[in-house]
């Protein structure tokens, strides 16, 4: 009799567990990373351009770039692959990534009635990207060796509400990356066009 009772209790427990599992709402999908650039390619009269990532992330708070697939280093590499096109037969370019950090800063929130009824900003993300692009032309037929160098810095910020879900916070991070990418693209393009006229091609 006791054995039958134990089996009945176990059956009821399994049934309820299955019922709750079936009713559970699956979490919404994690936002996908889509960082891109739309400007016309910048054609440089060199044979190749490479990336040298010199930035070493701390891997701990307050830095958070190590927790995400897309980082400022990713932005820099994507910009080089999308916007820079080598069209020469000699010479080379090297883009050194010097800083590619994202720091999370916790912000103070108000207490009392104001804090209780208001959805406050409690987090700020600060993304920074700094690269050095050095382009050396030649030597080629009728071509002397020339060196061009630019130092590009970009910074962006994004705030996050206290009520934000994990997916909301991921979206905020990706928004930060896109804003940083836009700022970097604008600054880097202007610098290439200003400094590297001698190596730019139509």
N, C-alpha and C. Protein backbone atom coordinates (compact mmCIF):
# COMPACT_ATOMS: atom_id res chain seq x y z
N UNK A 1 0.83 -1.21 0.00
CA UNK A 1 0.00 0.00 0.00
C UNK A 1 0.86 1.26 0.00
N UNK A 2 1.91 1.21 0.87
CA UNK A 2 2.81 2.36 0.92
C UNK A 2 3.52 2.56 -0.41
N UNK A 3 3.88 1.47 -1.06
CA UNK A 3 4.55 1.55 -2.36
C UNK A 3 3.65 2.19 -3.40
N UNK A 4 2.38 1.80 -3.39
CA UNK A 4 1.41 2.38 -4.33
C UNK A 4 1.25 3.87 -4.07
N UNK A 5 1.19 4.23 -2.79
CA UNK A 5 1.03 5.65 -2.42
C UNK A 5 2.23 6.46 -2.87
N UNK A 6 3.43 5.90 -2.69
CA UNK A 6 4.64 6.61 -3.12
C UNK A 6 4.65 6.81 -4.64
N UNK A 7 4.24 5.76 -5.36
CA UNK A 7 4.19 5.87 -6.83
C UNK A 7 3.18 6.92 -7.28
N UNK A 8 2.06 7.00 -6.56
CA UNK A 8 1.03 7.97 -6.91
C UNK A 8 1.53 9.39 -6.68
N UNK A 9 2.20 9.60 -5.53
CA UNK A 9 2.76 10.93 -5.24
C UNK A 9 3.80 11.32 -6.28
N UNK A 10 4.65 10.37 -6.66
CA UNK A 10 5.68 10.64 -7.68
C UNK A 10 5.05 10.99 -9.01
N UNK A 11 3.97 10.29 -9.38
CA UNK A 11 3.28 10.55 -10.64
C UNK A 11 2.68 11.95 -10.65
N UNK A 12 2.08 12.34 -9.51
CA UNK A 12 1.48 13.68 -9.41
C UNK A 12 2.57 14.75 -9.53
N UNK A 13 3.72 14.52 -8.86
CA UNK A 13 4.82 15.48 -8.90
C UNK A 13 5.34 15.67 -10.32
N UNK A 14 5.53 14.55 -11.02
CA UNK A 14 6.02 14.62 -12.42
C UNK A 14 5.02 15.33 -13.30
N UNK A 15 3.74 15.07 -13.08
CA UNK A 15 2.70 15.71 -13.88
C UNK A 15 2.71 17.22 -13.70
N UNK A 16 2.82 17.66 -12.43
CA UNK A 16 2.86 19.10 -12.17
C UNK A 16 4.12 19.74 -12.73
N UNK A 17 5.24 19.03 -12.62
CA UNK A 17 6.50 19.55 -13.16
C UNK A 17 6.39 19.74 -14.67
N UNK A 18 5.78 18.76 -15.35
CA UNK A 18 5.60 18.88 -16.80
C UNK A 18 4.67 20.01 -17.16
N UNK A 19 3.63 20.20 -16.33
CA UNK A 19 2.67 21.27 -16.58
C UNK A 19 3.33 22.63 -16.49
N UNK A 20 4.13 22.83 -15.42
CA UNK A 20 4.82 24.13 -15.25
C UNK A 20 5.86 24.35 -16.33
N UNK A 21 6.54 23.27 -16.74
CA UNK A 21 7.54 23.42 -17.80
C UNK A 21 6.88 23.81 -19.11
N UNK A 22 5.70 23.25 -19.36
CA UNK A 22 4.99 23.57 -20.60
C UNK A 22 4.46 24.99 -20.61
N UNK A 23 4.15 25.53 -19.42
CA UNK A 23 3.60 26.89 -19.34
C UNK A 23 4.67 27.96 -19.31
N UNK A 24 5.93 27.55 -19.07
CA UNK A 24 6.99 28.56 -18.97
C UNK A 24 7.18 29.26 -20.30
N UNK A 25 7.30 30.58 -20.24
CA UNK A 25 7.51 31.37 -21.45
C UNK A 25 8.99 31.43 -21.76
N UNK A 26 9.40 31.02 -22.97
CA UNK A 26 10.82 31.07 -23.30
C UNK A 26 11.31 32.51 -23.36
N UNK A 27 12.55 32.76 -22.96
CA UNK A 27 13.07 34.13 -23.00
C UNK A 27 13.16 34.65 -24.42
N UNK A 28 12.99 35.95 -24.62
CA UNK A 28 13.10 36.51 -25.96
C UNK A 28 14.51 36.31 -26.52
N UNK A 29 14.64 36.25 -27.83
CA UNK A 29 15.96 36.00 -28.42
C UNK A 29 16.94 37.13 -28.13
N UNK A 30 18.20 36.77 -28.00
CA UNK A 30 19.24 37.76 -27.77
C UNK A 30 19.43 38.59 -29.03
N UNK A 31 19.55 39.92 -28.91
CA UNK A 31 19.74 40.76 -30.09
C UNK A 31 20.99 40.35 -30.87
N UNK A 32 20.89 40.39 -32.20
CA UNK A 32 22.02 40.03 -33.04
C UNK A 32 22.87 41.25 -33.35
N UNK A 33 24.16 41.02 -33.41
CA UNK A 33 25.09 42.13 -33.67
C UNK A 33 25.10 42.48 -35.15
N UNK A 34 24.85 43.74 -35.46
CA UNK A 34 24.87 44.21 -36.85
C UNK A 34 25.57 45.56 -36.90
N UNK A 35 26.87 45.53 -37.00
CA UNK A 35 27.65 46.75 -37.10
C UNK A 35 28.15 46.87 -38.53
N UNK A 36 27.84 47.97 -39.19
CA UNK A 36 28.24 48.13 -40.57
C UNK A 36 28.55 49.58 -40.93
N UNK A 37 29.12 49.76 -42.11
CA UNK A 37 29.46 51.09 -42.62
C UNK A 37 28.93 51.20 -44.04
N UNK A 38 28.50 52.40 -44.41
CA UNK A 38 27.84 52.57 -45.70
C UNK A 38 28.59 53.53 -46.63
N UNK A 39 29.66 54.11 -46.20
CA UNK A 39 30.38 55.07 -47.03
C UNK A 39 31.10 54.41 -48.18
N UNK A 40 31.45 55.21 -49.18
CA UNK A 40 32.21 54.71 -50.32
C UNK A 40 33.60 54.28 -49.87
N UNK A 41 34.15 53.22 -50.46
CA UNK A 41 35.49 52.75 -50.08
C UNK A 41 36.55 53.83 -50.30
N UNK A 42 37.54 53.84 -49.43
CA UNK A 42 38.70 54.72 -49.56
C UNK A 42 39.82 53.90 -50.19
N UNK A 43 40.15 54.20 -51.45
CA UNK A 43 41.12 53.41 -52.20
C UNK A 43 42.53 53.96 -51.97
N UNK A 44 43.40 53.08 -51.45
CA UNK A 44 44.78 53.47 -51.16
C UNK A 44 45.74 52.76 -52.10
N UNK A 45 46.74 53.49 -52.57
CA UNK A 45 47.71 52.97 -53.53
C UNK A 45 48.79 52.16 -52.82
N UNK A 46 48.36 51.05 -52.17
CA UNK A 46 49.27 50.11 -51.52
C UNK A 46 48.80 48.70 -51.84
N UNK A 47 49.67 47.73 -51.59
CA UNK A 47 49.32 46.35 -51.94
C UNK A 47 48.43 45.69 -50.89
N UNK A 48 48.57 46.09 -49.62
CA UNK A 48 47.77 45.47 -48.57
C UNK A 48 47.70 46.36 -47.33
N UNK A 49 46.70 46.10 -46.52
CA UNK A 49 46.54 46.80 -45.24
C UNK A 49 46.16 45.76 -44.20
N UNK A 50 46.86 45.75 -43.08
CA UNK A 50 46.64 44.75 -42.04
C UNK A 50 46.29 45.42 -40.70
N UNK A 51 45.83 44.59 -39.76
CA UNK A 51 45.48 45.07 -38.43
C UNK A 51 46.43 44.48 -37.40
N UNK A 52 46.90 45.32 -36.51
CA UNK A 52 47.74 44.88 -35.40
C UNK A 52 47.05 45.32 -34.11
N UNK A 53 46.38 44.39 -33.45
CA UNK A 53 45.61 44.72 -32.24
C UNK A 53 46.54 44.71 -31.03
N UNK A 54 46.90 45.90 -30.55
CA UNK A 54 47.80 46.02 -29.42
C UNK A 54 47.06 46.19 -28.10
N UNK A 55 45.75 46.30 -28.16
CA UNK A 55 44.97 46.52 -26.94
C UNK A 55 44.78 45.20 -26.20
N UNK A 56 45.11 45.22 -24.92
CA UNK A 56 44.94 44.04 -24.06
C UNK A 56 43.84 44.33 -23.05
N UNK A 57 42.63 43.77 -23.23
CA UNK A 57 41.54 44.05 -22.30
C UNK A 57 41.85 43.52 -20.90
N UNK A 58 41.49 44.27 -19.85
CA UNK A 58 41.75 43.81 -18.48
C UNK A 58 41.01 42.53 -18.15
N UNK A 59 39.85 42.32 -18.78
CA UNK A 59 39.09 41.11 -18.52
C UNK A 59 38.33 41.11 -17.21
N UNK A 60 38.14 42.28 -16.61
CA UNK A 60 37.40 42.38 -15.35
C UNK A 60 36.77 43.76 -15.24
N UNK A 61 35.81 43.88 -14.30
CA UNK A 61 35.12 45.15 -14.08
C UNK A 61 36.15 46.24 -13.69
N UNK A 62 35.88 47.48 -14.12
CA UNK A 62 34.64 47.97 -14.75
C UNK A 62 34.56 47.72 -16.26
N UNK A 63 35.57 47.11 -16.87
CA UNK A 63 35.52 46.83 -18.30
C UNK A 63 34.53 45.69 -18.58
N UNK A 64 33.80 45.82 -19.68
CA UNK A 64 32.79 44.81 -20.02
C UNK A 64 32.90 44.33 -21.47
N UNK A 65 33.86 44.85 -22.23
CA UNK A 65 33.94 44.45 -23.64
C UNK A 65 34.19 42.95 -23.78
N UNK A 66 34.85 42.35 -22.79
CA UNK A 66 35.16 40.92 -22.86
C UNK A 66 33.92 40.05 -22.74
N UNK A 67 32.79 40.64 -22.36
CA UNK A 67 31.55 39.87 -22.19
C UNK A 67 30.71 39.83 -23.46
N UNK A 68 31.16 40.50 -24.52
CA UNK A 68 30.35 40.63 -25.73
C UNK A 68 31.11 40.17 -26.97
N UNK A 69 30.33 39.73 -27.94
CA UNK A 69 30.92 39.29 -29.21
C UNK A 69 31.49 40.47 -30.00
N UNK A 70 30.76 41.57 -30.02
CA UNK A 70 31.20 42.77 -30.74
C UNK A 70 31.90 43.70 -29.75
N UNK A 71 33.10 44.12 -30.11
CA UNK A 71 33.89 45.01 -29.27
C UNK A 71 34.39 46.19 -30.11
N UNK A 72 34.95 47.21 -29.50
CA UNK A 72 35.55 48.27 -30.30
C UNK A 72 36.63 47.75 -31.25
N UNK A 73 37.35 46.71 -30.85
CA UNK A 73 38.34 46.11 -31.76
C UNK A 73 37.66 45.53 -32.99
N UNK A 74 36.50 44.92 -32.78
CA UNK A 74 35.71 44.41 -33.90
C UNK A 74 35.31 45.54 -34.83
N UNK A 75 34.90 46.66 -34.25
CA UNK A 75 34.50 47.83 -35.03
C UNK A 75 35.66 48.30 -35.90
N UNK A 76 36.85 48.38 -35.32
CA UNK A 76 38.03 48.84 -36.06
C UNK A 76 38.34 47.91 -37.23
N UNK A 77 38.31 46.60 -36.97
CA UNK A 77 38.61 45.63 -38.03
C UNK A 77 37.55 45.69 -39.14
N UNK A 78 36.29 45.81 -38.72
CA UNK A 78 35.20 45.89 -39.70
C UNK A 78 35.33 47.14 -40.55
N UNK A 79 35.71 48.26 -39.94
CA UNK A 79 35.90 49.51 -40.70
C UNK A 79 37.00 49.33 -41.74
N UNK A 80 38.10 48.72 -41.34
CA UNK A 80 39.21 48.54 -42.27
C UNK A 80 38.79 47.65 -43.44
N UNK A 81 38.06 46.57 -43.14
CA UNK A 81 37.64 45.65 -44.19
C UNK A 81 36.60 46.26 -45.12
N UNK A 82 35.79 47.17 -44.58
CA UNK A 82 34.68 47.74 -45.36
C UNK A 82 35.07 49.01 -46.10
N UNK A 83 35.83 49.89 -45.45
CA UNK A 83 36.07 51.21 -46.00
C UNK A 83 37.41 51.36 -46.72
N UNK A 84 38.41 50.57 -46.36
CA UNK A 84 39.74 50.71 -46.95
C UNK A 84 39.96 49.61 -48.00
N UNK A 85 40.31 50.03 -49.21
CA UNK A 85 40.56 49.09 -50.31
C UNK A 85 41.95 49.35 -50.89
N UNK A 86 42.90 48.41 -50.71
CA UNK A 86 44.22 48.58 -51.33
C UNK A 86 44.13 48.31 -52.83
N UNK A 87 44.64 49.22 -53.63
CA UNK A 87 44.55 49.08 -55.08
C UNK A 87 45.93 49.14 -55.75
N UNK A 88 47.00 49.14 -54.97
CA UNK A 88 48.34 49.24 -55.53
C UNK A 88 49.01 47.89 -55.67
N UNK A 89 50.24 47.92 -56.13
CA UNK A 89 51.03 46.69 -56.32
C UNK A 89 52.21 46.63 -55.37
N UNK A 90 52.45 47.70 -54.64
CA UNK A 90 53.53 47.72 -53.66
C UNK A 90 53.13 48.64 -52.52
N UNK A 91 53.91 48.59 -51.45
CA UNK A 91 53.58 49.40 -50.29
C UNK A 91 52.57 48.69 -49.38
N UNK A 92 52.43 49.20 -48.17
CA UNK A 92 51.52 48.56 -47.23
C UNK A 92 51.00 49.56 -46.20
N UNK A 93 49.93 49.15 -45.55
CA UNK A 93 49.36 49.93 -44.46
C UNK A 93 49.17 49.04 -43.25
N UNK A 94 49.33 49.63 -42.07
CA UNK A 94 49.12 48.88 -40.82
C UNK A 94 48.25 49.75 -39.90
N UNK A 95 47.15 49.17 -39.45
CA UNK A 95 46.30 49.86 -38.49
C UNK A 95 46.52 49.23 -37.12
N UNK A 96 47.07 50.01 -36.19
CA UNK A 96 47.33 49.54 -34.84
C UNK A 96 46.17 49.97 -33.93
N UNK A 97 45.56 49.00 -33.27
CA UNK A 97 44.48 49.30 -32.31
C UNK A 97 45.13 49.55 -30.96
N UNK A 98 45.04 50.79 -30.48
CA UNK A 98 45.71 51.18 -29.24
C UNK A 98 44.79 51.16 -28.03
N UNK A 99 43.52 51.46 -28.25
CA UNK A 99 42.53 51.41 -27.16
C UNK A 99 41.21 50.94 -27.75
N UNK A 100 40.57 49.99 -27.08
CA UNK A 100 39.29 49.45 -27.57
C UNK A 100 38.48 48.99 -26.36
N UNK A 101 38.22 49.93 -25.47
CA UNK A 101 37.62 49.58 -24.18
C UNK A 101 36.16 49.99 -24.09
N UNK A 102 35.43 49.25 -23.26
CA UNK A 102 34.08 49.64 -22.86
C UNK A 102 34.01 49.51 -21.34
N UNK A 103 33.71 50.62 -20.69
CA UNK A 103 33.66 50.65 -19.23
C UNK A 103 32.22 50.87 -18.79
N UNK A 104 31.80 50.09 -17.80
CA UNK A 104 30.45 50.24 -17.24
C UNK A 104 30.53 51.02 -15.93
N UNK A 105 29.75 52.08 -15.86
CA UNK A 105 29.74 52.94 -14.68
C UNK A 105 28.36 52.90 -14.04
N UNK A 106 28.30 52.55 -12.75
CA UNK A 106 27.04 52.54 -12.02
C UNK A 106 26.72 53.96 -11.55
N UNK A 107 25.48 54.40 -11.81
CA UNK A 107 25.07 55.75 -11.47
C UNK A 107 24.20 55.74 -10.21
N UNK A 108 24.27 56.79 -9.39
CA UNK A 108 23.42 56.86 -8.20
C UNK A 108 21.95 57.03 -8.59
N UNK A 109 21.06 56.41 -7.83
CA UNK A 109 19.63 56.56 -8.08
C UNK A 109 18.98 57.24 -6.89
N UNK A 110 17.88 57.95 -7.15
CA UNK A 110 17.19 58.70 -6.10
C UNK A 110 16.34 57.76 -5.25
N UNK A 111 16.24 58.09 -3.99
CA UNK A 111 15.40 57.32 -3.09
C UNK A 111 14.10 58.09 -2.84
N UNK A 112 13.25 57.57 -1.98
CA UNK A 112 11.99 58.24 -1.66
C UNK A 112 10.95 58.04 -2.75
N UNK A 113 9.93 58.90 -2.73
CA UNK A 113 8.82 58.78 -3.68
C UNK A 113 9.28 58.98 -5.12
N UNK A 114 10.21 59.91 -5.31
CA UNK A 114 10.71 60.17 -6.68
C UNK A 114 11.35 58.93 -7.26
N UNK A 115 12.16 58.25 -6.45
CA UNK A 115 12.81 57.04 -6.92
C UNK A 115 11.85 55.88 -7.05
N UNK A 116 10.84 55.81 -6.17
CA UNK A 116 9.90 54.69 -6.17
C UNK A 116 9.02 54.69 -7.41
N UNK A 117 8.57 55.87 -7.83
CA UNK A 117 7.63 55.96 -8.95
C UNK A 117 8.31 56.22 -10.30
N UNK A 118 9.59 56.51 -10.31
CA UNK A 118 10.28 56.82 -11.56
C UNK A 118 11.22 55.72 -11.99
N UNK A 119 11.31 55.49 -13.31
CA UNK A 119 12.25 54.53 -13.87
C UNK A 119 13.55 55.28 -14.14
N UNK A 120 14.55 55.04 -13.34
CA UNK A 120 15.75 55.86 -13.38
C UNK A 120 16.87 55.19 -14.17
N UNK A 121 17.76 56.04 -14.66
CA UNK A 121 18.97 55.56 -15.31
C UNK A 121 19.95 55.13 -14.22
N UNK A 122 20.41 53.88 -14.28
CA UNK A 122 21.32 53.41 -13.24
C UNK A 122 22.69 52.96 -13.76
N UNK A 123 22.86 52.96 -15.09
CA UNK A 123 24.11 52.49 -15.68
C UNK A 123 24.50 53.34 -16.87
N UNK A 124 25.79 53.59 -17.00
CA UNK A 124 26.30 54.28 -18.18
C UNK A 124 27.46 53.46 -18.76
N UNK A 125 27.39 53.23 -20.08
CA UNK A 125 28.47 52.54 -20.78
C UNK A 125 29.29 53.58 -21.56
N UNK A 126 30.59 53.48 -21.46
CA UNK A 126 31.49 54.40 -22.16
C UNK A 126 32.42 53.58 -23.05
N UNK A 127 32.28 53.77 -24.35
CA UNK A 127 33.12 53.04 -25.30
C UNK A 127 34.17 53.96 -25.90
N UNK A 128 35.40 53.47 -25.99
CA UNK A 128 36.50 54.25 -26.57
C UNK A 128 37.26 53.42 -27.59
N UNK A 129 37.64 54.08 -28.67
CA UNK A 129 38.42 53.42 -29.72
C UNK A 129 39.48 54.39 -30.21
N UNK A 130 40.72 53.92 -30.20
CA UNK A 130 41.82 54.72 -30.73
C UNK A 130 42.70 53.84 -31.60
N UNK A 131 42.94 54.29 -32.81
CA UNK A 131 43.81 53.53 -33.71
C UNK A 131 44.82 54.47 -34.36
N UNK A 132 45.89 53.87 -34.78
CA UNK A 132 46.93 54.57 -35.54
C UNK A 132 47.06 53.86 -36.88
N UNK A 133 46.85 54.59 -37.95
CA UNK A 133 46.97 54.01 -39.29
C UNK A 133 48.20 54.60 -39.98
N UNK A 134 49.14 53.71 -40.31
CA UNK A 134 50.37 54.13 -40.99
C UNK A 134 50.41 53.48 -42.37
N UNK A 135 50.55 54.29 -43.39
CA UNK A 135 50.59 53.81 -44.77
C UNK A 135 51.92 54.20 -45.39
N UNK A 136 52.63 53.20 -45.94
CA UNK A 136 53.92 53.43 -46.59
C UNK A 136 53.82 53.00 -48.04
N UNK A 137 54.07 53.90 -48.94
CA UNK A 137 53.98 53.59 -50.37
C UNK A 137 55.32 53.11 -50.91
N UNK A 138 55.26 52.41 -52.06
CA UNK A 138 56.46 52.02 -52.78
C UNK A 138 57.30 51.01 -52.01
N UNK A 139 58.53 50.79 -52.44
CA UNK A 139 59.06 51.39 -53.67
C UNK A 139 58.55 50.67 -54.91
N UNK A 140 58.20 51.43 -55.91
CA UNK A 140 57.74 50.86 -57.17
C UNK A 140 58.36 51.62 -58.32
N UNK A 141 58.00 51.23 -59.52
CA UNK A 141 58.53 51.88 -60.72
C UNK A 141 58.07 53.34 -60.74
N UNK A 142 59.02 54.24 -60.73
CA UNK A 142 58.69 55.66 -60.75
C UNK A 142 58.01 56.14 -59.49
N UNK A 143 58.16 55.41 -58.39
CA UNK A 143 57.46 55.75 -57.16
C UNK A 143 58.46 55.80 -56.01
N UNK A 144 58.50 56.94 -55.31
CA UNK A 144 59.37 57.07 -54.15
C UNK A 144 58.64 56.55 -52.92
N UNK A 145 59.40 56.31 -51.86
CA UNK A 145 58.82 55.82 -50.62
C UNK A 145 58.30 57.01 -49.82
N UNK A 146 57.01 56.95 -49.46
CA UNK A 146 56.39 58.00 -48.66
C UNK A 146 55.60 57.35 -47.53
N UNK A 147 55.54 58.03 -46.40
CA UNK A 147 54.81 57.51 -45.24
C UNK A 147 53.75 58.51 -44.80
N UNK A 148 52.57 57.98 -44.55
CA UNK A 148 51.44 58.80 -44.08
C UNK A 148 50.93 58.18 -42.78
N UNK A 149 50.57 59.03 -41.84
CA UNK A 149 50.16 58.51 -40.53
C UNK A 149 49.01 59.34 -39.96
N UNK A 150 47.99 58.64 -39.44
CA UNK A 150 46.91 59.33 -38.75
C UNK A 150 46.66 58.64 -37.40
N UNK A 151 46.19 59.42 -36.45
CA UNK A 151 45.84 58.92 -35.11
C UNK A 151 44.39 59.28 -34.87
N UNK A 152 43.53 58.29 -34.79
CA UNK A 152 42.08 58.53 -34.73
C UNK A 152 41.53 58.08 -33.37
N UNK A 153 40.76 58.98 -32.74
CA UNK A 153 40.11 58.66 -31.47
C UNK A 153 38.61 58.87 -31.60
N UNK A 154 37.85 57.95 -31.02
CA UNK A 154 36.39 58.09 -31.02
C UNK A 154 35.88 57.63 -29.66
N UNK A 155 34.78 58.25 -29.22
CA UNK A 155 34.19 57.90 -27.92
C UNK A 155 32.68 58.04 -28.01
N UNK A 156 31.97 57.14 -27.35
CA UNK A 156 30.50 57.18 -27.33
C UNK A 156 30.02 56.72 -25.96
N UNK A 157 28.82 57.19 -25.58
CA UNK A 157 28.22 56.81 -24.30
C UNK A 157 26.79 56.33 -24.52
N UNK A 158 26.33 55.45 -23.64
CA UNK A 158 24.96 54.95 -23.69
C UNK A 158 24.48 54.70 -22.27
N UNK A 159 23.31 55.24 -21.92
CA UNK A 159 22.75 55.02 -20.60
C UNK A 159 21.70 53.90 -20.65
N UNK A 160 21.45 53.30 -19.47
CA UNK A 160 20.54 52.17 -19.36
C UNK A 160 19.60 52.40 -18.18
N UNK A 161 18.32 52.14 -18.39
CA UNK A 161 17.33 52.32 -17.34
C UNK A 161 17.41 51.21 -16.30
N UNK A 162 16.99 51.54 -15.10
CA UNK A 162 17.00 50.60 -13.99
C UNK A 162 16.15 49.36 -14.28
N UNK A 163 15.06 49.54 -15.02
CA UNK A 163 14.13 48.45 -15.30
C UNK A 163 14.56 47.57 -16.46
N UNK A 164 15.67 47.87 -17.10
CA UNK A 164 16.09 47.16 -18.31
C UNK A 164 16.32 45.68 -18.05
N UNK A 165 15.83 44.85 -18.97
CA UNK A 165 16.08 43.41 -18.90
C UNK A 165 17.48 43.13 -19.44
N UNK A 166 17.90 41.87 -19.36
CA UNK A 166 19.21 41.51 -19.90
C UNK A 166 19.28 41.78 -21.40
N UNK A 167 18.20 41.47 -22.11
CA UNK A 167 18.17 41.74 -23.55
C UNK A 167 18.19 43.24 -23.83
N UNK A 168 17.49 44.03 -23.00
CA UNK A 168 17.53 45.48 -23.14
C UNK A 168 18.96 45.99 -22.98
N UNK A 169 19.67 45.41 -22.03
CA UNK A 169 21.05 45.85 -21.79
C UNK A 169 21.96 45.42 -22.93
N UNK A 170 21.70 44.27 -23.52
CA UNK A 170 22.46 43.85 -24.69
C UNK A 170 22.20 44.80 -25.87
N UNK A 171 20.93 45.20 -26.03
CA UNK A 171 20.59 46.14 -27.10
C UNK A 171 21.28 47.49 -26.88
N UNK A 172 21.32 47.92 -25.62
CA UNK A 172 21.99 49.18 -25.30
C UNK A 172 23.48 49.10 -25.63
N UNK A 173 24.08 47.95 -25.35
CA UNK A 173 25.50 47.77 -25.67
C UNK A 173 25.73 47.83 -27.18
N UNK A 174 24.87 47.15 -27.94
CA UNK A 174 25.02 47.17 -29.40
C UNK A 174 24.75 48.55 -29.98
N UNK A 175 23.84 49.29 -29.36
CA UNK A 175 23.60 50.67 -29.79
C UNK A 175 24.85 51.52 -29.54
N UNK A 176 25.49 51.26 -28.40
CA UNK A 176 26.75 51.95 -28.11
C UNK A 176 27.79 51.64 -29.18
N UNK A 177 27.90 50.37 -29.56
CA UNK A 177 28.88 49.97 -30.58
C UNK A 177 28.60 50.65 -31.92
N UNK A 178 27.30 50.74 -32.30
CA UNK A 178 26.98 51.38 -33.57
C UNK A 178 27.27 52.88 -33.52
N UNK A 179 26.97 53.52 -32.39
CA UNK A 179 27.27 54.94 -32.24
C UNK A 179 28.78 55.18 -32.27
N UNK A 180 29.53 54.29 -31.61
CA UNK A 180 30.99 54.40 -31.63
C UNK A 180 31.51 54.20 -33.05
N UNK A 181 30.92 53.23 -33.76
CA UNK A 181 31.32 52.98 -35.15
C UNK A 181 31.06 54.19 -36.03
N UNK A 182 29.91 54.82 -35.86
CA UNK A 182 29.57 55.99 -36.67
C UNK A 182 30.54 57.15 -36.40
N UNK A 183 30.84 57.36 -35.11
CA UNK A 183 31.76 58.43 -34.74
C UNK A 183 33.17 58.15 -35.28
N UNK A 184 33.60 56.89 -35.15
CA UNK A 184 34.92 56.53 -35.64
C UNK A 184 35.00 56.67 -37.15
N UNK A 185 33.98 56.22 -37.85
CA UNK A 185 33.95 56.31 -39.31
C UNK A 185 34.06 57.76 -39.78
N UNK A 186 33.30 58.62 -39.15
CA UNK A 186 33.31 60.04 -39.51
C UNK A 186 34.69 60.65 -39.31
N UNK A 187 35.28 60.38 -38.15
CA UNK A 187 36.59 60.97 -37.83
C UNK A 187 37.70 60.37 -38.68
N UNK A 188 37.71 59.04 -38.81
CA UNK A 188 38.77 58.37 -39.57
C UNK A 188 38.72 58.74 -41.04
N UNK A 189 37.53 58.79 -41.61
CA UNK A 189 37.39 59.16 -43.03
C UNK A 189 37.91 60.56 -43.28
N UNK A 190 37.57 61.48 -42.41
CA UNK A 190 38.03 62.87 -42.57
C UNK A 190 39.55 62.95 -42.48
N UNK A 191 40.14 62.17 -41.57
CA UNK A 191 41.59 62.19 -41.42
C UNK A 191 42.30 61.56 -42.61
N UNK A 192 41.77 60.46 -43.13
CA UNK A 192 42.37 59.84 -44.31
C UNK A 192 42.33 60.81 -45.49
N UNK A 193 41.20 61.44 -45.69
CA UNK A 193 41.06 62.38 -46.81
C UNK A 193 41.93 63.62 -46.62
N UNK A 194 42.18 64.00 -45.39
CA UNK A 194 42.99 65.20 -45.14
C UNK A 194 44.49 64.92 -45.24
N UNK A 195 44.93 63.80 -44.65
CA UNK A 195 46.37 63.52 -44.53
C UNK A 195 46.92 62.69 -45.68
N UNK A 196 46.10 61.81 -46.25
CA UNK A 196 46.62 60.82 -47.21
C UNK A 196 46.26 61.12 -48.66
N UNK A 197 46.17 62.37 -48.99
CA UNK A 197 45.86 62.74 -50.37
C UNK A 197 46.86 62.14 -51.37
N UNK A 198 48.11 62.05 -50.95
CA UNK A 198 49.15 61.54 -51.86
C UNK A 198 49.03 60.06 -52.17
N UNK A 199 48.26 59.31 -51.39
CA UNK A 199 48.13 57.88 -51.61
C UNK A 199 46.69 57.47 -51.94
N UNK A 200 45.78 58.42 -51.88
CA UNK A 200 44.38 58.13 -52.23
C UNK A 200 44.21 58.06 -53.74
N UNK A 201 43.36 57.15 -54.18
CA UNK A 201 43.06 57.01 -55.60
C UNK A 201 41.55 57.09 -55.80
N UNK A 202 41.14 57.60 -56.98
CA UNK A 202 39.71 57.73 -57.29
C UNK A 202 39.09 56.36 -57.56
